[in-house]
Amino acid sequence: MISERVQKEIDSAREFGEQLEEVVVSKNQLPNRDQRDVLLIGYWGTMFDFHKGILLLLQSEFSGSAFALVRPAVEANIRAHITIIGRPDDLEKLANDEYRTNFKNVGKQIDDAFALEGLMETLLNNSKEALHGYTHVGLLQLGRRFKGDDVTPNYSDDEIVEMIQATSSAMFMISNLVTKHFGFEEDWKKVGDLFAVWGKH
């Protein structure tokens, strides 16, 4: 059974996600002007789908499956940023499903373009092995299949809370990107305000 602390984190992240999603959905129809716009909205929608899936899996105590979805959620966030700053050939690769994320370089590329002061590079450098390990059934995933001699999931509350906070922050980043890109200045400010309120808990 999940702990009260984890349940509180799930509830908070779910509410935060619903609020962020409503900001963009309330526009009814976003201006799909070009390939860049379509890709960006596609990644935004995918990110929200992954986030909801992660929370539902955690709620149902399928932690391994939830952790396996973190890497694609991060990937959606990375690709959304590349959609904004990428060259025409990057967009073509994204559109043709030929883009391959270079975790070694992409963090700095995003940091430089968005003045994130090393945030993305640090995040990716510190989590790359874990992201791959959980998704591709590495030792991190396998090691959490056991409690002593019992074959049962073994994820700490700290790990689960950290993962919920990281994916919720990624959901904020992509919503921030979408509202700014489409020129929804008031909505962009609202997204920032919602993040500040959620972050206080």
C-alpha atoms as a PDB file:
ATOM      1  CA  MET A   1       0.000   0.000   0.000  1.00  0.00           C
ATOM      2  CA  ILE A   2       1.350   3.440  -0.917  1.00  0.00           C
ATOM      3  CA  SER A   3       2.245   5.753   1.926  1.00  0.00           C
ATOM      4  CA  GLU A   4       0.361   8.875   2.917  1.00  0.00           C
ATOM      5  CA  ARG A   5       3.350  10.959   1.815  1.00  0.00           C
ATOM      6  CA  VAL A   6       3.360   9.457  -1.682  1.00  0.00           C
ATOM      7  CA  GLN A   7      -0.413   9.765  -1.960  1.00  0.00           C
ATOM      8  CA  LYS A   8      -0.187  13.447  -1.062  1.00  0.00           C
ATOM      9  CA  GLU A   9       2.474  13.933  -3.745  1.00  0.00           C
ATOM     10  CA  ILE A  10       0.366  12.126  -6.346  1.00  0.00           C
ATOM     11  CA  ASP A  11      -2.697  14.233  -5.502  1.00  0.00           C
ATOM     12  CA  SER A  12      -0.709  17.455  -5.665  1.00  0.00           C
ATOM     13  CA  ALA A  13       0.926  16.537  -8.993  1.00  0.00           C
ATOM     14  CA  ARG A  14      -2.412  15.473 -10.468  1.00  0.00           C
ATOM     15  CA  GLU A  15      -4.048  18.778  -9.522  1.00  0.00           C
ATOM     16  CA  PHE A  16      -1.059  20.730 -10.829  1.00  0.00           C
ATOM     17  CA  GLY A  17      -1.203  18.820 -14.119  1.00  0.00           C
ATOM     18  CA  GLU A  18      -4.916  19.440 -14.541  1.00  0.00           C
ATOM     19  CA  GLN A  19      -4.410  23.159 -13.947  1.00  0.00           C
ATOM     20  CA  LEU A  20      -1.553  23.379 -16.452  1.00  0.00           C
ATOM     21  CA  GLU A  21      -3.445  21.383 -19.043  1.00  0.00           C
ATOM     22  CA  GLU A  22      -6.516  23.593 -18.687  1.00  0.00           C
ATOM     23  CA  VAL A  23      -4.440  26.706 -19.404  1.00  0.00           C
ATOM     24  CA  VAL A  24      -3.576  25.408 -22.870  1.00  0.00           C
ATOM     25  CA  VAL A  25      -6.778  23.474 -23.589  1.00  0.00           C
ATOM     26  CA  SER A  26      -8.861  26.559 -22.763  1.00  0.00           C
ATOM     27  CA  LYS A  27      -7.502  28.195 -25.919  1.00  0.00           C
ATOM     28  CA  ASN A  28      -9.826  25.744 -27.751  1.00  0.00           C
ATOM     29  CA  GLN A  29      -7.714  25.674 -30.876  1.00  0.00           C
ATOM     30  CA  LEU A  30      -4.064  26.524 -31.092  1.00  0.00           C
ATOM     31  CA  PRO A  31      -2.800  28.174 -34.251  1.00  0.00           C
ATOM     32  CA  ASN A  32      -1.167  25.368 -36.220  1.00  0.00           C
ATOM     33  CA  ARG A  33       0.855  27.557 -38.495  1.00  0.00           C
ATOM     34  CA  ASP A  34       3.671  25.236 -39.465  1.00  0.00           C
ATOM     35  CA  GLN A  35       5.503  22.022 -38.778  1.00  0.00           C
ATOM     36  CA  ARG A  36       7.182  23.506 -35.710  1.00  0.00           C
ATOM     37  CA  ASP A  37       3.814  24.301 -34.106  1.00  0.00           C
ATOM     38  CA  VAL A  38       2.392  20.859 -34.811  1.00  0.00           C
ATOM     39  CA  LEU A  39       5.440  19.084 -33.392  1.00  0.00           C
ATOM     40  CA  LEU A  40       5.445  21.260 -30.285  1.00  0.00           C
ATOM     41  CA  ILE A  41       1.783  20.603 -29.502  1.00  0.00           C
ATOM     42  CA  GLY A  42       2.303  16.898 -30.177  1.00  0.00           C
ATOM     43  CA  TYR A  43       5.129  16.727 -27.629  1.00  0.00           C
ATOM     44  CA  TRP A  44       3.101  18.758 -25.144  1.00  0.00           C
ATOM     45  CA  GLY A  45       0.150  16.347 -25.416  1.00  0.00           C
ATOM     46  CA  THR A  46       2.438  13.334 -25.153  1.00  0.00           C
ATOM     47  CA  MET A  47       4.098  14.733 -22.036  1.00  0.00           C
ATOM     48  CA  PHE A  48       0.730  15.140 -20.312  1.00  0.00           C
ATOM     49  CA  ASP A  49      -0.283  11.620 -21.319  1.00  0.00           C
ATOM     50  CA  PHE A  50       2.927  10.200 -19.834  1.00  0.00           C
ATOM     51  CA  HIS A  51       2.506  12.234 -16.632  1.00  0.00           C
ATOM     52  CA  LYS A  52      -1.046  10.987 -16.108  1.00  0.00           C
ATOM     53  CA  GLY A  53       0.117   7.449 -16.824  1.00  0.00           C
ATOM     54  CA  ILE A  54       2.943   7.702 -14.298  1.00  0.00           C
ATOM     55  CA  LEU A  55       0.566   8.897 -11.580  1.00  0.00           C
ATOM     56  CA  LEU A  56      -1.999   6.182 -12.340  1.00  0.00           C
ATOM     57  CA  LEU A  57       0.688   3.486 -12.282  1.00  0.00           C
ATOM     58  CA  LEU A  58       2.012   4.742  -8.957  1.00  0.00           C
ATOM     59  CA  GLN A  59      -1.523   4.852  -7.571  1.00  0.00           C
ATOM     60  CA  SER A  60      -1.926   1.210  -8.609  1.00  0.00           C
ATOM     61  CA  GLU A  61       1.490   0.359  -7.120  1.00  0.00           C
ATOM     62  CA  PHE A  62       3.145  -0.429 -10.445  1.00  0.00           C
ATOM     63  CA  SER A  63       6.248   1.576  -9.615  1.00  0.00           C
ATOM     64  CA  GLY A  64       8.525  -0.196 -12.094  1.00  0.00           C
ATOM     65  CA  SER A  65       6.264   0.720 -14.996  1.00  0.00           C
ATOM     66  CA  ALA A  66       5.975   4.290 -13.721  1.00  0.00           C
ATOM     67  CA  PHE A  67       9.756   4.672 -13.521  1.00  0.00           C
ATOM     68  CA  ALA A  68      10.112   3.220 -17.027  1.00  0.00           C
ATOM     69  CA  LEU A  69       7.989   6.091 -18.373  1.00  0.00           C
ATOM     70  CA  VAL A  70      10.252   8.808 -16.965  1.00  0.00           C
ATOM     71  CA  ARG A  71      12.762   8.616 -19.805  1.00  0.00           C
ATOM     72  CA  PRO A  72      10.170   9.056 -22.585  1.00  0.00           C
ATOM     73  CA  ALA A  73       8.634  11.917 -20.596  1.00  0.00           C
ATOM     74  CA  VAL A  74      12.046  13.608 -20.421  1.00  0.00           C
ATOM     75  CA  GLU A  75      12.534  12.859 -24.116  1.00  0.00           C
ATOM     76  CA  ALA A  76       9.245  14.592 -24.974  1.00  0.00           C
ATOM     77  CA  ASN A  77      10.438  17.634 -23.051  1.00  0.00           C
ATOM     78  CA  ILE A  78      13.833  17.629 -24.794  1.00  0.00           C
ATOM     79  CA  ARG A  79      12.265  17.259 -28.230  1.00  0.00           C
ATOM     80  CA  ALA A  80       9.837  20.093 -27.537  1.00  0.00           C
ATOM     81  CA  HIS A  81      12.796  22.365 -26.820  1.00  0.00           C
ATOM     82  CA  ILE A  82      14.625  21.164 -29.944  1.00  0.00           C
ATOM     83  CA  THR A  83      11.453  21.885 -31.914  1.00  0.00           C
ATOM     84  CA  ILE A  84      11.777  25.545 -30.925  1.00  0.00           C
ATOM     85  CA  ILE A  85      15.536  25.994 -31.361  1.00  0.00           C
ATOM     86  CA  GLY A  86      16.323  23.344 -33.961  1.00  0.00           C
ATOM     87  CA  ARG A  87      17.563  23.982 -37.450  1.00  0.00           C
ATOM     88  CA  PRO A  88      15.375  22.961 -40.413  1.00  0.00           C
ATOM     89  CA  ASP A  89      17.232  19.639 -40.651  1.00  0.00           C
ATOM     90  CA  ASP A  90      16.483  18.954 -36.956  1.00  0.00           C
ATOM     91  CA  LEU A  91      12.793  19.554 -37.637  1.00  0.00           C
ATOM     92  CA  GLU A  92      12.893  17.221 -40.617  1.00  0.00           C
ATOM     93  CA  LYS A  93      14.521  14.528 -38.495  1.00  0.00           C
ATOM     94  CA  LEU A  94      11.868  14.975 -35.808  1.00  0.00           C
ATOM     95  CA  ALA A  95       9.064  14.864 -38.359  1.00  0.00           C
ATOM     96  CA  ASN A  96      10.519  11.780 -40.066  1.00  0.00           C
ATOM     97  CA  ASP A  97      11.248   9.984 -36.781  1.00  0.00           C
ATOM     98  CA  GLU A  98      14.987  10.102 -37.475  1.00  0.00           C
ATOM     99  CA  TYR A  99      16.043  12.393 -34.619  1.00  0.00           C
ATOM    100  CA  ARG A 100      18.279  10.767 -32.002  1.00  0.00           C
ATOM    101  CA  THR A 101      18.861  12.568 -28.725  1.00  0.00           C
ATOM    102  CA  ASN A 102      22.510  13.068 -27.881  1.00  0.00           C
ATOM    103  CA  PHE A 103      22.339  13.239 -24.091  1.00  0.00           C
ATOM    104  CA  LYS A 104      25.968  14.373 -23.967  1.00  0.00           C
ATOM    105  CA  ASN A 105      25.316  17.614 -25.868  1.00  0.00           C
ATOM    106  CA  VAL A 106      21.605  18.396 -25.841  1.00  0.00           C
ATOM    107  CA  GLY A 107      21.459  19.694 -22.254  1.00  0.00           C
ATOM    108  CA  LYS A 108      24.008  22.435 -22.916  1.00  0.00           C
ATOM    109  CA  GLN A 109      22.357  23.249 -26.234  1.00  0.00           C
ATOM    110  CA  ILE A 110      19.007  23.824 -24.486  1.00  0.00           C
ATOM    111  CA  ASP A 111      20.609  25.694 -21.575  1.00  0.00           C
ATOM    112  CA  ASP A 112      22.399  28.089 -23.925  1.00  0.00           C
ATOM    113  CA  ALA A 113      19.301  28.757 -26.028  1.00  0.00           C
ATOM    114  CA  PHE A 114      16.949  29.335 -23.090  1.00  0.00           C
ATOM    115  CA  ALA A 115      19.407  30.851 -20.572  1.00  0.00           C
ATOM    116  CA  LEU A 116      18.795  28.002 -18.102  1.00  0.00           C
ATOM    117  CA  GLU A 117      22.225  28.407 -16.503  1.00  0.00           C
ATOM    118  CA  GLY A 118      23.198  24.742 -16.717  1.00  0.00           C
ATOM    119  CA  LEU A 119      19.913  23.355 -15.385  1.00  0.00           C
ATOM    120  CA  MET A 120      19.176  20.946 -18.237  1.00  0.00           C
ATOM    121  CA  GLU A 121      22.781  19.833 -18.665  1.00  0.00           C
ATOM    122  CA  THR A 122      23.083  19.068 -14.948  1.00  0.00           C
ATOM    123  CA  LEU A 123      19.742  17.273 -14.876  1.00  0.00           C
ATOM    124  CA  LEU A 124      20.585  15.070 -17.838  1.00  0.00           C
ATOM    125  CA  ASN A 125      24.152  14.368 -16.724  1.00  0.00           C
ATOM    126  CA  ASN A 126      22.972  13.359 -13.248  1.00  0.00           C
ATOM    127  CA  SER A 127      20.070  11.208 -14.416  1.00  0.00           C
ATOM    128  CA  LYS A 128      21.098   9.759 -17.789  1.00  0.00           C
ATOM    129  CA  GLU A 129      22.138   6.343 -16.472  1.00  0.00           C
ATOM    130  CA  ALA A 130      19.037   6.052 -14.283  1.00  0.00           C
ATOM    131  CA  LEU A 131      16.729   7.096 -17.135  1.00  0.00           C
ATOM    132  CA  HIS A 132      18.177   4.456 -19.428  1.00  0.00           C
ATOM    133  CA  GLY A 133      18.377   1.840 -16.684  1.00  0.00           C
ATOM    134  CA  TYR A 134      14.736   2.044 -15.650  1.00  0.00           C
ATOM    135  CA  THR A 135      13.407   2.158 -19.204  1.00  0.00           C
ATOM    136  CA  HIS A 136      15.695  -0.484 -20.688  1.00  0.00           C
ATOM    137  CA  VAL A 137      15.481  -2.867 -17.708  1.00  0.00           C
ATOM    138  CA  GLY A 138      18.964  -2.258 -16.394  1.00  0.00           C
ATOM    139  CA  LEU A 139      20.273  -3.062 -12.940  1.00  0.00           C
ATOM    140  CA  LEU A 140      18.436  -0.151 -11.311  1.00  0.00           C
ATOM    141  CA  GLN A 141      15.131  -1.638 -12.427  1.00  0.00           C
ATOM    142  CA  LEU A 142      16.142  -5.216 -11.635  1.00  0.00           C
ATOM    143  CA  GLY A 143      17.519  -4.282  -8.232  1.00  0.00           C
ATOM    144  CA  ARG A 144      14.140  -2.975  -7.186  1.00  0.00           C
ATOM    145  CA  ARG A 145      12.464  -6.325  -7.862  1.00  0.00           C
ATOM    146  CA  PHE A 146      13.585  -7.686  -4.495  1.00  0.00           C
ATOM    147  CA  LYS A 147      13.021  -7.106  -0.796  1.00  0.00           C
ATOM    148  CA  GLY A 148      15.460  -9.429   0.854  1.00  0.00           C
ATOM    149  CA  ASP A 149      14.668 -12.842  -0.611  1.00  0.00           C
ATOM    150  CA  ASP A 150      11.169 -11.829  -1.730  1.00  0.00           C
ATOM    151  CA  VAL A 151      10.486 -10.936  -5.357  1.00  0.00           C
ATOM    152  CA  THR A 152       8.472  -7.781  -4.760  1.00  0.00           C
ATOM    153  CA  PRO A 153       8.852  -4.120  -5.810  1.00  0.00           C
ATOM    154  CA  ASN A 154      11.195  -2.126  -3.597  1.00  0.00           C
ATOM    155  CA  TYR A 155      11.033   1.607  -4.325  1.00  0.00           C
ATOM    156  CA  SER A 156      11.558   4.062  -1.495  1.00  0.00           C
ATOM    157  CA  ASP A 157       9.179   6.947  -0.853  1.00  0.00           C
ATOM    158  CA  ASP A 158      12.078   9.343  -1.447  1.00  0.00           C
ATOM    159  CA  GLU A 159      12.697   7.884  -4.919  1.00  0.00           C
ATOM    160  CA  ILE A 160       9.026   7.989  -5.826  1.00  0.00           C
ATOM    161  CA  VAL A 161       8.545  11.560  -4.591  1.00  0.00           C
ATOM    162  CA  GLU A 162      11.656  12.726  -6.433  1.00  0.00           C
ATOM    163  CA  MET A 163      10.401  11.127  -9.645  1.00  0.00           C
ATOM    164  CA  ILE A 164       6.945  12.716  -9.305  1.00  0.00           C
ATOM    165  CA  GLN A 165       8.507  16.122  -8.721  1.00  0.00           C
ATOM    166  CA  ALA A 166      10.910  15.744 -11.660  1.00  0.00           C
ATOM    167  CA  THR A 167       8.204  14.741 -14.142  1.00  0.00           C
ATOM    168  CA  SER A 168       5.838  17.424 -12.855  1.00  0.00           C
ATOM    169  CA  SER A 169       8.596  19.997 -13.325  1.00  0.00           C
ATOM    170  CA  ALA A 170       9.112  18.733 -16.881  1.00  0.00           C
ATOM    171  CA  MET A 171       5.377  19.156 -17.461  1.00  0.00           C
ATOM    172  CA  PHE A 172       5.687  22.766 -16.285  1.00  0.00           C
ATOM    173  CA  MET A 173       8.669  23.375 -18.592  1.00  0.00           C
ATOM    174  CA  ILE A 174       6.829  22.177 -21.675  1.00  0.00           C
ATOM    175  CA  SER A 175       3.711  24.207 -20.769  1.00  0.00           C
ATOM    176  CA  ASN A 176       5.912  27.234 -20.255  1.00  0.00           C
ATOM    177  CA  LEU A 177       7.425  26.631 -23.683  1.00  0.00           C
ATOM    178  CA  VAL A 178       4.049  26.254 -25.424  1.00  0.00           C
ATOM    179  CA  THR A 179       2.429  29.348 -23.930  1.00  0.00           C
ATOM    180  CA  LYS A 180       5.513  31.467 -24.665  1.00  0.00           C
ATOM    181  CA  HIS A 181       5.894  30.151 -28.218  1.00  0.00           C
ATOM    182  CA  PHE A 182       2.289  30.901 -29.144  1.00  0.00           C
ATOM    183  CA  GLY A 183       2.446  34.359 -27.579  1.00  0.00           C
ATOM    184  CA  PHE A 184      -0.064  33.699 -24.798  1.00  0.00           C
ATOM    185  CA  GLU A 185       1.630  36.096 -22.392  1.00  0.00           C
ATOM    186  CA  GLU A 186      -1.063  36.037 -19.699  1.00  0.00           C
ATOM    187  CA  ASP A 187      -1.223  32.264 -19.835  1.00  0.00           C
ATOM    188  CA  TRP A 188       2.569  32.089 -19.724  1.00  0.00           C
ATOM    189  CA  LYS A 189       2.510  34.131 -16.511  1.00  0.00           C
ATOM    190  CA  LYS A 190      -0.254  31.925 -15.126  1.00  0.00           C
ATOM    191  CA  VAL A 191       1.807  28.792 -15.814  1.00  0.00           C
ATOM    192  CA  GLY A 192       4.660  30.353 -13.837  1.00  0.00           C
ATOM    193  CA  ASP A 193       2.331  31.266 -10.986  1.00  0.00           C
ATOM    194  CA  LEU A 194       0.902  27.740 -10.859  1.00  0.00           C
ATOM    195  CA  PHE A 195       4.433  26.333 -10.710  1.00  0.00           C
ATOM    196  CA  ALA A 196       5.335  28.665  -7.848  1.00  0.00           C
ATOM    197  CA  VAL A 197       2.247  27.612  -5.857  1.00  0.00           C
ATOM    198  CA  TRP A 198       2.800  23.902  -6.542  1.00  0.00           C
ATOM    199  CA  GLY A 199       6.471  24.204  -5.613  1.00  0.00           C
ATOM    200  CA  LYS A 200       5.636  25.553  -2.157  1.00  0.00           C
ATOM    201  CA  HIS A 201       4.107  22.293  -0.966  1.00  0.00           C
END
